[in-house]
Protein backbone atom coordinates (compact mmCIF):
# COMPACT_ATOMS: atom_id res chain seq x y z
CA MET A 1 9.37 56.61 -105.64
CA THR A 2 9.19 60.34 -106.35
CA THR A 3 12.38 61.96 -107.59
CA MET A 4 13.77 64.53 -105.21
CA LYS A 5 14.98 67.57 -107.14
CA LEU A 6 17.79 69.83 -105.91
CA PHE A 7 17.31 73.61 -105.83
CA GLY A 8 19.97 76.18 -104.96
CA MET A 9 19.72 78.96 -102.43
CA ARG A 10 18.24 81.52 -104.82
CA ASN A 11 15.52 79.18 -106.06
CA LEU A 12 13.23 78.98 -103.04
CA ASN A 13 10.08 79.87 -104.99
CA HIS A 14 10.88 77.30 -107.69
CA ALA A 15 11.40 74.63 -105.01
CA ILE A 16 8.04 75.40 -103.37
CA GLU A 17 6.30 75.41 -106.74
CA TYR A 18 7.87 72.06 -107.69
CA ALA A 19 6.57 70.56 -104.43
CA ARG A 20 3.12 72.07 -105.03
CA SER A 21 3.06 70.31 -108.41
CA GLY A 22 3.55 66.93 -106.71
CA GLY A 23 7.32 66.53 -106.40
CA GLN A 24 9.83 66.61 -103.58
CA ALA A 25 12.18 69.59 -103.58
CA LEU A 26 15.42 69.94 -101.63
CA HIS A 27 16.30 73.61 -101.19
CA VAL A 28 19.90 73.91 -99.95
CA MET A 29 21.04 77.11 -98.22
CA ASP A 30 24.17 78.68 -96.78
CA HIS A 31 23.60 80.40 -93.46
CA SER A 32 27.11 81.60 -92.73
CA GLY A 33 25.53 84.85 -91.50
CA GLY A 34 24.06 82.99 -88.54
CA VAL A 35 20.85 81.27 -87.49
CA TYR A 36 18.27 82.07 -84.88
CA ARG A 37 19.53 81.48 -81.34
CA ASP A 38 16.98 78.76 -80.51
CA ALA A 39 18.00 76.67 -83.52
CA PRO A 40 18.93 73.05 -82.78
CA GLU A 41 22.64 72.43 -82.24
CA CYS A 42 23.05 70.76 -85.64
CA PHE A 43 22.03 73.99 -87.39
CA ARG A 44 24.34 76.13 -85.28
CA ARG A 45 27.37 73.89 -85.95
CA THR A 46 27.16 73.80 -89.73
CA LYS A 47 27.33 76.29 -92.57
CA MET A 48 24.65 74.64 -94.71
CA PHE A 49 21.17 73.32 -94.17
CA ALA A 50 18.18 72.48 -96.34
CA HIS A 51 14.42 72.47 -96.55
CA LEU A 52 12.80 69.30 -97.87
CA PHE A 53 9.52 70.49 -99.41
CA ASP A 54 6.67 68.08 -100.13
CA GLN A 55 2.91 68.66 -100.03
CA ASP A 56 2.29 64.95 -99.33
CA LEU A 57 2.68 64.86 -95.54
CA ALA A 58 3.01 61.07 -95.27
CA ARG A 59 5.64 60.93 -98.02
CA LEU A 60 7.52 63.89 -96.51
CA THR A 61 7.64 62.15 -93.12
CA ARG A 62 8.71 58.81 -94.64
CA THR A 63 11.49 60.47 -96.64
CA ALA A 64 12.78 62.40 -93.63
CA ARG A 65 12.91 59.18 -91.56
CA ARG A 66 14.59 57.27 -94.37
CA LEU A 67 17.23 60.01 -94.60
CA GLY A 68 17.96 59.61 -90.88
CA VAL A 69 15.96 62.38 -89.21
CA ARG A 70 15.23 61.09 -85.70
CA ILE A 71 12.54 63.59 -84.72
CA VAL A 72 10.53 64.71 -87.73
CA LYS A 73 9.16 68.22 -87.20
CA VAL A 74 7.09 69.47 -90.11
CA SER A 75 7.05 73.24 -90.54
CA ARG A 76 4.12 75.04 -92.20
CA GLU A 77 2.05 71.85 -92.14
CA GLY A 78 -0.83 72.01 -94.64
CA GLN A 79 0.53 75.16 -96.29
CA PRO A 80 2.28 75.57 -99.65
CA GLY A 81 5.70 75.77 -97.93
CA GLN A 82 5.26 72.54 -95.93
CA HIS A 83 8.75 71.21 -95.20
CA VAL A 84 11.20 69.48 -92.90
CA ASP A 85 14.53 71.15 -92.08
CA LEU A 86 17.62 69.03 -92.74
CA CYS A 87 21.26 69.37 -91.77
CA GLY A 88 24.25 67.10 -91.28
CA ARG A 89 24.07 63.49 -92.48
CA PRO A 90 20.36 63.54 -93.47
CA MET A 91 20.99 66.60 -95.64
CA ARG A 92 24.04 65.01 -97.27
CA ARG A 93 22.05 61.83 -97.98
CA ALA A 94 19.27 63.90 -99.55
CA ILE A 95 21.72 65.79 -101.76
CA SER A 96 23.22 62.51 -102.98
CA GLU A 97 19.73 61.29 -103.98
CA CYS A 98 18.73 64.43 -105.86
CA GLU A 99 18.29 65.15 -109.49
CA ALA A 100 19.77 68.62 -110.14
CA GLU A 101 17.54 71.44 -111.37
């Protein structure tokens, strides 16, 4: 199993690069300034959310499901920033599995 590595808010580029090199990167962010109005309820109710970056689409989808994501929506599929957005319990589970940067 690939080690998921935790990246802080200011390390987006490092997280994407880590995923491009074959790893899984969890990029945790604070969005206390607000989110876009069409964001799912989970993202509007919480202060933090995360991107789970992984260039291996099958592994990304499996990890998201294992973490508890019911509907896996991959953003930027096939691009260097390919990811799944996480919040709530799936995000907390991911954080608990991470190896810190």
